[in-house]
Protein backbone atom coordinates (compact mmCIF):
# COMPACT_ATOMS: atom_id res chain seq x y z
CA MET A 1 68.19 111.22 -237.14
CA ARG A 2 68.28 107.74 -235.78
CA ILE A 3 66.03 106.00 -238.32
CA CYS A 4 63.68 106.52 -241.28
CA TYR A 5 61.91 103.75 -243.01
CA TYR A 6 59.74 102.97 -245.96
CA GLY A 7 56.85 100.54 -245.42
CA ASP A 8 55.76 98.37 -248.34
CA ASP A 9 52.21 98.73 -247.09
CA PHE A 10 50.35 100.81 -244.73
CA THR A 11 49.54 98.14 -241.98
CA GLY A 12 53.24 97.27 -241.81
CA SER A 13 54.15 100.90 -241.61
CA THR A 14 52.06 101.28 -238.56
CA ASP A 15 53.61 98.16 -237.11
CA VAL A 16 57.10 99.81 -237.16
CA LEU A 17 55.57 103.09 -235.92
CA GLU A 18 54.42 101.11 -232.85
CA ALA A 19 57.80 99.40 -232.27
CA LEU A 20 59.63 102.68 -232.18
CA THR A 21 57.02 104.71 -230.13
CA THR A 22 56.48 102.25 -227.49
CA GLY A 23 60.40 102.00 -227.24
CA GLY A 24 60.47 105.75 -226.46
CA LEU A 25 61.29 107.41 -229.66
CA ARG A 26 59.17 110.04 -231.20
CA ILE A 27 58.42 109.15 -234.92
CA ILE A 28 55.82 110.35 -237.38
CA LEU A 29 54.55 108.39 -240.38
CA PHE A 30 54.07 110.25 -243.72
CA MET A 31 52.21 109.40 -246.81
CA GLU A 32 55.06 110.77 -248.89
CA VAL A 33 58.71 111.54 -248.27
CA PRO A 34 58.71 114.97 -246.50
CA ASP A 35 60.40 118.05 -247.91
CA PRO A 36 63.77 118.31 -246.05
CA ALA A 37 63.21 121.94 -245.52
CA MET A 38 59.70 121.26 -243.99
CA TRP A 39 61.06 118.52 -241.94
CA HIS A 40 63.88 120.51 -240.38
CA LYS A 41 61.43 123.46 -239.63
CA LYS A 42 58.49 121.51 -238.09
CA PHE A 43 59.77 118.10 -237.01
CA ALA A 44 63.52 118.41 -236.21
CA HIS A 45 62.81 117.26 -232.60
CA TYR A 46 61.56 113.98 -233.78
CA ASP A 47 64.05 110.88 -233.68
CA GLY A 48 62.90 109.88 -237.16
CA PHE A 49 60.10 109.16 -239.54
CA GLY A 50 58.47 106.76 -241.85
CA VAL A 51 56.78 106.61 -245.33
CA ALA A 52 53.86 104.49 -245.82
CA GLY A 53 53.85 102.78 -249.32
CA VAL A 54 52.19 100.25 -251.41
CA SER A 55 55.24 98.68 -253.02
CA ARG A 56 54.28 95.25 -252.13
CA THR A 57 51.79 95.47 -255.03
CA LEU A 58 54.34 96.76 -257.53
CA GLY A 59 56.09 94.95 -260.20
CA PRO A 60 59.92 95.31 -260.58
CA GLU A 61 59.75 98.02 -263.49
CA GLU A 62 57.20 99.98 -261.40
CA MET A 63 59.68 99.81 -258.47
CA ASP A 64 62.38 101.30 -260.67
CA ARG A 65 60.04 104.21 -261.61
CA LYS A 66 58.19 104.74 -258.25
CA LEU A 67 60.21 103.26 -255.37
CA ARG A 68 63.76 104.14 -256.55
CA PRO A 69 63.11 107.84 -256.23
CA GLN A 70 61.46 107.47 -252.82
CA LEU A 71 64.57 105.56 -251.33
CA GLN A 72 66.92 107.96 -253.04
CA ALA A 73 65.03 110.70 -251.05
CA LEU A 74 65.30 108.83 -247.86
CA ARG A 75 69.01 108.50 -248.45
CA GLU A 76 69.38 112.34 -248.43
CA PHE A 77 68.26 112.51 -244.76
CA LYS A 78 71.44 110.58 -243.76
CA ALA A 79 69.79 108.60 -241.12
CA ASP A 80 72.01 106.13 -239.01
CA ILE A 81 69.50 103.41 -240.40
CA THR A 82 67.27 103.43 -243.47
CA HIS A 83 64.98 100.60 -243.29
CA TYR A 84 62.71 99.08 -246.16
CA LYS A 85 60.02 97.40 -244.09
CA VAL A 86 58.48 94.22 -245.51
CA CYS A 87 55.63 92.01 -243.98
CA SER A 88 56.86 89.63 -241.45
CA THR A 89 55.61 86.80 -243.43
CA PHE A 90 57.89 88.06 -246.06
CA ASP A 91 55.28 87.45 -248.82
CA SER A 92 56.72 88.65 -252.34
CA SER A 93 57.53 87.10 -255.62
CA PRO A 94 59.60 87.83 -258.57
CA ILE A 95 56.86 89.81 -260.34
CA THR A 96 54.98 91.36 -257.35
CA GLY A 97 56.57 93.02 -254.50
CA SER A 98 59.87 91.65 -255.16
CA ILE A 99 62.15 91.96 -252.04
CA GLY A 100 65.17 91.01 -254.21
CA LYS A 101 64.40 93.97 -256.59
CA VAL A 102 64.38 96.35 -253.62
CA ILE A 103 67.76 94.95 -252.37
CA ASP A 104 69.16 95.47 -255.83
CA ILE A 105 68.09 99.05 -255.74
CA GLY A 106 69.13 99.63 -252.20
CA SER A 107 72.61 98.20 -252.85
CA GLU A 108 73.15 100.71 -255.75
CA LEU A 109 71.90 103.79 -253.56
CA PHE A 110 74.02 102.65 -250.38
CA GLN A 111 77.24 101.61 -252.15
CA GLU A 112 79.30 102.33 -249.01
CA GLN A 113 77.89 99.45 -246.95
CA ARG A 114 79.57 95.95 -247.00
CA TYR A 115 76.27 94.13 -247.43
CA THR A 116 72.45 94.37 -247.20
CA PRO A 117 71.04 92.96 -243.58
CA VAL A 118 67.76 91.14 -243.88
CA VAL A 119 65.94 90.50 -240.67
CA ALA A 120 62.29 88.77 -241.10
CA GLY A 121 61.72 87.24 -237.67
CA CYS A 122 59.88 89.18 -234.96
CA PRO A 123 59.11 87.10 -231.84
CA LEU A 124 56.49 89.57 -230.56
CA LEU A 125 54.45 88.87 -233.77
CA LYS A 126 55.19 85.10 -233.56
CA ARG A 127 57.45 85.05 -236.48
CA TYR A 128 60.68 83.12 -236.33
CA THR A 129 63.56 82.29 -238.66
CA VAL A 130 65.69 79.24 -237.91
CA PHE A 131 68.61 78.17 -240.13
CA GLY A 132 66.94 80.22 -242.79
CA ASN A 133 63.65 78.84 -242.67
CA HIS A 134 60.75 81.08 -241.72
CA PHE A 135 58.04 80.08 -239.33
CA THR A 136 54.67 81.82 -238.31
CA ALA A 137 52.02 81.21 -235.87
CA MET A 138 48.74 79.96 -237.02
CA GLY A 139 46.43 81.99 -234.79
CA GLY A 140 44.31 80.79 -231.95
CA ASP A 141 45.56 77.32 -230.95
CA GLY A 142 47.05 76.32 -234.16
CA GLY A 143 50.51 76.39 -233.12
CA THR A 144 53.49 77.50 -235.19
CA VAL A 145 54.18 76.24 -238.72
CA ARG A 146 56.72 76.53 -241.43
CA LEU A 147 55.71 79.32 -243.75
CA ASP A 148 55.06 77.12 -246.75
CA ARG A 149 52.61 75.04 -244.60
CA HIS A 150 50.51 77.95 -243.64
CA PRO A 151 47.09 77.43 -245.03
CA ASN A 152 46.50 81.05 -245.84
CA MET A 153 50.09 82.41 -246.80
CA SER A 154 50.82 79.25 -249.03
CA LYS A 155 47.84 80.09 -251.04
CA HIS A 156 47.86 83.98 -250.83
CA PRO A 157 45.96 85.23 -253.92
CA ILE A 158 48.66 87.48 -255.12
CA THR A 159 51.97 86.29 -253.45
CA PRO A 160 51.74 82.79 -252.36
CA MET A 161 54.56 81.72 -250.19
CA ASN A 162 55.44 78.03 -251.02
CA GLU A 163 58.98 78.25 -249.97
CA ALA A 164 60.08 78.61 -246.32
CA ASP A 165 63.77 78.86 -246.87
CA LEU A 166 64.10 82.64 -247.24
CA ARG A 167 67.38 82.29 -248.98
CA VAL A 168 65.91 80.12 -251.67
CA HIS A 169 62.79 82.42 -251.91
CA LEU A 170 65.14 85.57 -252.28
CA ALA A 171 67.42 83.77 -254.86
CA LYS A 172 64.35 83.65 -257.12
CA GLN A 173 64.30 87.48 -256.99
CA THR A 174 67.87 88.71 -257.14
CA ASN A 175 71.26 87.23 -258.30
CA LYS A 176 73.15 88.49 -255.28
CA SER A 177 74.86 86.02 -252.90
CA ILE A 178 73.29 85.35 -249.56
CA GLY A 179 74.88 84.44 -246.36
CA LEU A 180 73.32 83.40 -242.94
CA VAL A 181 73.89 84.41 -239.35
CA ASN A 182 72.23 81.41 -237.81
CA VAL A 183 70.69 80.83 -234.32
CA LEU A 184 73.80 79.04 -233.05
CA ASP A 185 75.91 82.01 -234.00
CA LEU A 186 73.64 84.33 -232.12
CA ASP A 187 73.69 82.21 -228.97
CA LEU A 188 77.39 82.63 -228.87
CA ASN A 189 78.86 84.95 -226.24
CA PRO A 190 79.74 88.52 -227.68
CA LEU A 191 83.46 87.83 -228.24
CA LEU A 192 82.89 84.64 -230.22
CA LEU A 193 79.94 86.22 -231.96
CA GLN A 194 82.21 88.91 -233.21
CA GLN A 195 84.79 86.36 -234.39
CA ARG A 196 82.04 84.38 -236.22
CA TYR A 197 80.65 87.48 -237.69
CA LYS A 198 83.98 88.50 -238.95
CA GLN A 199 84.38 85.10 -240.71
CA LEU A 200 81.08 85.59 -242.46
CA ILE A 201 81.86 89.08 -243.57
CA GLU A 202 85.22 87.85 -245.01
CA SER A 203 83.22 85.53 -247.32
CA LYS A 204 81.74 88.87 -248.97
CA PRO A 205 78.12 87.96 -249.11
CA ASP A 206 75.95 90.61 -250.84
CA ILE A 207 72.99 89.90 -248.39
CA LEU A 208 73.28 88.69 -244.97
CA LEU A 209 70.11 87.11 -243.57
CA PHE A 210 69.78 86.81 -239.76
CA ASP A 211 67.97 84.21 -237.88
CA VAL A 212 65.56 85.16 -235.15
CA LEU A 213 64.09 82.87 -232.50
CA THR A 214 64.35 84.83 -229.20
CA PRO A 215 64.29 88.42 -228.05
CA ASN A 216 67.94 87.98 -227.08
CA HIS A 217 68.73 87.30 -230.63
CA LEU A 218 67.25 90.68 -231.60
CA THR A 219 69.50 92.40 -229.12
CA GLN A 220 72.43 90.73 -230.76
CA ILE A 221 71.34 91.64 -234.14
CA GLY A 222 70.74 95.27 -233.11
CA SER A 223 74.36 95.42 -231.78
CA LEU A 224 75.60 94.23 -235.23
CA LEU A 225 73.50 96.66 -237.03
CA MET A 226 74.54 99.65 -235.24
CA GLN A 227 78.19 98.43 -235.67
CA GLU A 228 77.71 98.64 -239.35
CA SER A 229 75.91 101.93 -239.25
CA ASP A 230 79.00 103.46 -237.39
CA ALA A 231 80.95 103.11 -240.67
CA SER A 232 78.33 104.49 -243.07
CA PRO A 233 74.44 105.02 -243.24
CA LEU A 234 72.93 101.55 -243.34
CA PHE A 235 70.09 100.30 -245.55
CA VAL A 236 68.28 97.42 -244.07
CA VAL A 237 65.41 95.20 -245.27
CA GLY A 238 63.13 93.32 -242.95
CA SER A 239 60.18 93.24 -240.78
CA SER A 240 59.56 95.30 -237.63
CA GLY A 241 62.02 92.82 -236.07
CA VAL A 242 64.67 95.43 -237.25
CA GLU A 243 63.07 98.02 -234.93
CA TYR A 244 62.53 95.72 -232.01
CA ALA A 245 66.38 94.70 -232.37
CA LEU A 246 67.58 98.46 -232.58
CA VAL A 247 65.14 99.36 -229.60
CA SER A 248 66.47 96.55 -227.53
CA TYR A 249 70.06 97.54 -228.23
CA TRP A 250 69.50 101.06 -227.51
CA GLN A 251 67.71 100.45 -224.23
CA GLN A 252 70.42 98.00 -223.07
CA ASN A 253 72.96 100.73 -223.58
CA GLY A 254 71.06 103.60 -221.98
CA LEU A 255 70.32 105.33 -225.24
CA LEU A 256 66.54 105.64 -224.70
CA PRO A 257 64.47 107.02 -221.99
CA THR A 258 63.95 104.87 -219.00
CA GLU A 259 60.44 106.22 -218.41
CA LEU A 260 58.19 105.58 -221.27
CA PRO A 261 55.03 107.60 -222.09
CA ASN A 262 51.62 106.20 -220.64
CA MET A 263 49.77 105.80 -223.83
CA LYS A 264 46.00 105.08 -223.51
CA ALA A 265 43.04 105.29 -225.67
CA GLU A 266 39.44 106.16 -224.60
CA ALA A 267 36.39 104.14 -225.77
CA VAL A 268 34.12 105.35 -228.43
CA ASP A 269 30.44 104.53 -228.80
CA ARG A 270 30.72 103.09 -232.34
CA ILE A 271 33.26 102.09 -234.89
CA LEU A 272 33.41 101.31 -238.63
CA VAL A 273 35.39 98.30 -239.84
CA VAL A 274 36.28 98.26 -243.49
CA SER A 275 37.83 95.09 -244.63
CA GLY A 276 39.38 94.00 -248.01
CA SER A 277 41.18 91.23 -246.27
CA CYS A 278 41.00 87.43 -247.28
CA SER A 279 42.73 86.28 -244.17
CA PRO A 280 41.14 83.55 -242.06
CA VAL A 281 42.16 85.76 -238.89
CA THR A 282 40.18 88.53 -240.35
CA GLN A 283 37.37 86.06 -241.01
CA ALA A 284 37.32 84.89 -237.34
CA GLN A 285 37.26 88.63 -236.14
CA ILE A 286 34.28 89.40 -238.42
CA GLU A 287 32.45 86.22 -237.30
CA TRP A 288 33.06 87.03 -233.59
CA SER A 289 31.78 90.64 -234.14
CA LEU A 290 28.78 89.66 -235.97
CA ALA A 291 27.88 87.21 -233.15
CA HIS A 292 28.33 90.12 -230.65
CA GLY A 293 26.10 92.69 -232.10
CA TYR A 294 27.93 94.14 -234.89
CA ALA A 295 26.15 94.69 -238.17
CA GLY A 296 28.00 93.23 -241.32
CA ILE A 297 27.28 94.52 -244.78
CA ARG A 298 29.08 92.68 -247.74
CA VAL A 299 30.38 94.82 -250.49
CA SER A 300 29.92 92.46 -253.48
CA GLU A 301 32.21 92.39 -256.63
CA GLU A 302 29.80 94.26 -258.79
CA PHE A 303 30.29 97.44 -256.48
CA LEU A 304 34.13 97.18 -256.95
CA PHE A 305 34.06 96.99 -260.77
CA ASP A 306 31.04 99.10 -261.79
CA GLU A 307 31.03 102.80 -261.16
CA GLU A 308 27.23 103.28 -261.69
CA ILE A 309 25.78 100.47 -259.71
CA LYS A 310 22.75 102.00 -258.08
CA GLY A 311 22.71 99.51 -255.34
CA ILE A 312 25.95 101.14 -253.69
CA SER A 313 23.74 104.23 -252.68
CA ALA A 314 21.33 101.98 -250.94
CA LEU A 315 24.43 100.02 -249.21
CA LEU A 316 25.77 103.33 -247.93
CA GLU A 317 22.31 104.49 -246.74
CA GLN A 318 22.01 101.13 -244.91
CA ALA A 319 25.45 101.67 -243.14
CA GLU A 320 24.56 105.23 -242.44
CA LYS A 321 21.32 104.36 -240.64
CA LEU A 322 23.04 101.68 -238.72
CA LEU A 323 25.79 104.01 -237.55
CA ARG A 324 23.47 106.85 -236.65
CA VAL A 325 21.66 104.58 -234.24
CA GLY A 326 24.84 103.59 -232.49
CA LYS A 327 25.63 100.36 -234.26
CA ASN A 328 29.08 99.22 -235.14
CA VAL A 329 29.16 98.47 -238.76
CA ILE A 330 31.51 96.15 -240.84
CA LEU A 331 31.89 96.59 -244.53
CA TYR A 332 33.72 93.50 -246.03
CA THR A 333 34.49 92.18 -249.47
CA ALA A 334 35.26 88.55 -248.51
CA LEU A 335 34.83 86.13 -245.63
CA GLY A 336 37.96 84.24 -245.40
CA PRO A 337 40.37 82.64 -248.07
CA ASN A 338 37.61 80.28 -249.48
CA ASP A 339 34.98 83.09 -250.29
CA MET A 340 33.69 82.71 -253.69
CA SER A 341 34.06 86.45 -254.41
CA ILE A 342 37.82 86.07 -254.57
CA GLY A 343 37.61 83.78 -257.66
CA HIS A 344 34.99 86.03 -259.17
CA VAL A 345 37.17 89.08 -258.80
CA GLN A 346 40.26 87.27 -260.22
CA GLN A 347 38.31 85.93 -263.18
CA ARG A 348 36.85 89.33 -263.93
CA LEU A 349 40.37 90.81 -263.70
CA LYS A 350 41.56 88.08 -266.14
CA ASP A 351 38.72 88.73 -268.56
CA GLU A 352 39.42 92.44 -268.53
CA GLU A 353 43.19 91.48 -269.13
CA ARG A 354 44.21 93.27 -265.85
CA GLU A 355 46.81 91.96 -263.49
CA THR A 356 45.62 90.13 -260.18
CA ALA A 357 47.77 92.55 -258.13
CA ALA A 358 45.34 95.41 -259.36
CA SER A 359 42.59 94.02 -257.02
CA GLY A 360 44.35 95.66 -254.16
CA LEU A 361 44.09 99.14 -255.73
CA MET A 362 40.43 98.63 -257.08
CA ILE A 363 39.22 97.27 -253.78
CA GLY A 364 41.08 99.71 -251.58
CA GLU A 365 40.05 102.83 -253.34
CA ARG A 366 36.43 101.82 -253.57
CA LEU A 367 36.32 101.15 -249.93
CA GLY A 368 38.12 104.21 -249.10
CA GLU A 369 35.55 106.33 -251.08
CA MET A 370 32.73 104.64 -249.12
CA THR A 371 34.38 105.27 -245.93
CA LYS A 372 35.04 108.84 -246.49
CA GLN A 373 31.22 109.37 -247.39
CA LEU A 374 30.28 107.62 -244.16
CA ILE A 375 32.63 109.56 -241.96
CA LEU A 376 31.35 112.96 -243.36
CA LYS A 377 27.88 111.92 -242.87
CA THR A 378 27.91 110.39 -239.49
CA GLY A 379 30.85 112.13 -237.74
CA LEU A 380 32.63 108.76 -236.98
CA LYS A 381 35.71 109.27 -234.77
CA ARG A 382 37.41 105.85 -235.18
CA VAL A 383 37.77 103.36 -238.16
CA VAL A 384 39.48 100.08 -238.69
CA PHE A 385 40.99 99.18 -242.14
CA ALA A 386 41.67 95.50 -242.30
CA GLY A 387 44.03 94.16 -245.27
CA GLY A 388 47.59 94.69 -246.05
CA ASP A 389 47.04 95.06 -249.71
CA THR A 390 44.03 97.36 -249.64
CA SER A 391 44.32 99.65 -246.63
CA GLY A 392 46.93 101.93 -247.96
CA PHE A 393 44.79 102.62 -251.16
CA ALA A 394 41.78 102.97 -248.93
CA ILE A 395 43.33 105.62 -246.52
CA SER A 396 44.73 107.59 -249.70
CA LYS A 397 40.97 108.55 -250.35
CA LEU A 398 40.85 110.36 -246.98
CA ASP A 399 43.44 113.00 -247.94
CA SER A 400 45.91 111.80 -245.27
CA TYR A 401 49.40 113.17 -245.16
CA ALA A 402 50.58 111.69 -241.65
CA LEU A 403 49.99 109.36 -238.88
CA GLU A 404 51.05 109.44 -235.30
CA MET A 405 50.51 106.64 -232.65
CA ILE A 406 48.00 107.17 -229.89
CA ALA A 407 48.28 103.92 -228.08
CA PRO A 408 48.91 100.13 -228.59
CA ILE A 409 46.11 97.66 -229.07
CA VAL A 410 47.82 94.49 -230.05
CA PRO A 411 51.29 94.07 -231.51
CA GLY A 412 51.26 95.19 -235.08
CA GLY A 413 47.87 97.01 -234.81
CA PRO A 414 48.30 100.22 -232.86
CA LEU A 415 45.65 103.06 -232.78
CA CYS A 416 46.74 106.10 -234.55
CA ARG A 417 45.66 109.77 -235.24
CA MET A 418 45.43 110.86 -238.75
CA PHE A 419 46.60 114.22 -240.10
CA SER A 420 44.47 115.08 -243.24
CA LYS A 421 44.41 117.95 -245.61
CA ASP A 422 40.66 117.81 -245.32
CA GLU A 423 39.67 119.49 -242.12
CA ARG A 424 36.55 117.53 -241.73
CA LEU A 425 38.77 114.33 -241.54
CA ASP A 426 41.81 115.75 -239.56
CA GLY A 427 42.27 113.96 -236.25
CA LEU A 428 40.28 110.78 -237.39
CA GLU A 429 41.51 107.74 -235.25
CA ILE A 430 42.25 104.74 -237.27
CA VAL A 431 43.91 101.24 -237.00
CA LEU A 432 45.44 99.68 -240.04
CA LYS A 433 45.32 95.87 -239.41
CA GLY A 434 47.25 93.35 -241.49
CA GLY A 435 45.48 90.02 -242.32
CA GLN A 436 47.24 88.02 -239.66
CA VAL A 437 47.04 90.59 -236.86
CA GLY A 438 44.87 90.28 -233.71
CA PRO A 439 42.59 88.10 -231.75
CA SER A 440 39.05 87.20 -232.62
CA HIS A 441 37.72 90.07 -230.51
CA PHE A 442 40.22 92.61 -232.03
CA PHE A 443 37.65 95.07 -233.32
CA GLU A 444 35.97 95.32 -229.93
CA GLN A 445 39.40 95.90 -228.56
CA VAL A 446 39.79 98.96 -230.83
CA ARG A 447 36.27 100.14 -230.02
CA THR A 448 37.15 100.01 -226.10
CA GLY A 449 40.60 101.20 -226.51
CA ARG A 450 41.70 98.34 -224.35
CA ALA A 451 44.87 96.38 -225.18
């Protein structure tokens, strides 16, 4: 097995699925760590697998209880690389989705390795790390900004990123020492890079952060990661840049098929978009779609908190009627980061003495329940879930146990086929879209199947 991975949310998990599948590997994404006997019986011909999780919403104690057993189970498969996948914007905090806590757990489970590699940058997604500082594209013509200057990520309602230096950011979450392989190191010729790498390793860092600015940097990183995995199974933390690094290295060394599968998606007559995202990118996508004939239905906060709200039946009836006459429908909880509903939800959680991070579970599960009803009533074939914090909880309501990629749409947002325990939902085509993913017409791209 070349690789197995655990995604800290569902949208990021399909991002990795895309990186590996388009590279020529056969990968399946499960909702839980598969039973080893079942894996070897049914999926031994696959190159590896992923597990879609929700750990970016967990606190450190919950990670010990829930995540540690998952990583321990992955360790038993003895893959060359075991990857804990984080969002390419690295959003986390000491109390929610702590990447430092994950590294602490991983270093205990993978004691043989010399250090824990961390790779956040991914040029294909316009995420870059330079001298330890992380940068991200704004979307549209907004250019590229340092992470702590991004208007949405710096004010994220759960994990605001107000520090761009990832070493400083991680130091708030773990006591482990942190080294850096910087862009100048990665631009050295292979012999000099090996000498520099040896110097860095001799300083015995617990964590080694890799800068990423160019695709060539990823190739160099892939070589170094495989070099480490030759000694023992390697635990790596990072974005899908990890997979793009490995795929690039494997391709350059003739370790992957030269002819890649021709993956295409057919158009469908209608789609349902279900959004729990607060991102300005998702806001622009909703606004574009509404201006081009999509029907939008707001799911107000009372529908999220109260179980017996009568209006929810009327809302579902409205959505069902629109879908039955061929309309594309968007169910959304917020329209961008300044939507007043965000403050209302946070205040109500505070009044009920519940953690802010609980909003992802609450919103996701309610949206998932609504989605299931609409699929069963209308025979929908394709659905988009938008929102990294909510999509995982939403899809859990569809009795899904695995996903496999059908075709790429945009980087980080592939079209997938769902395997469900409910025969009525088995084969549903879905896209799990992170908040920052896709152009303004993305939902229409998904409907037509055109990249």
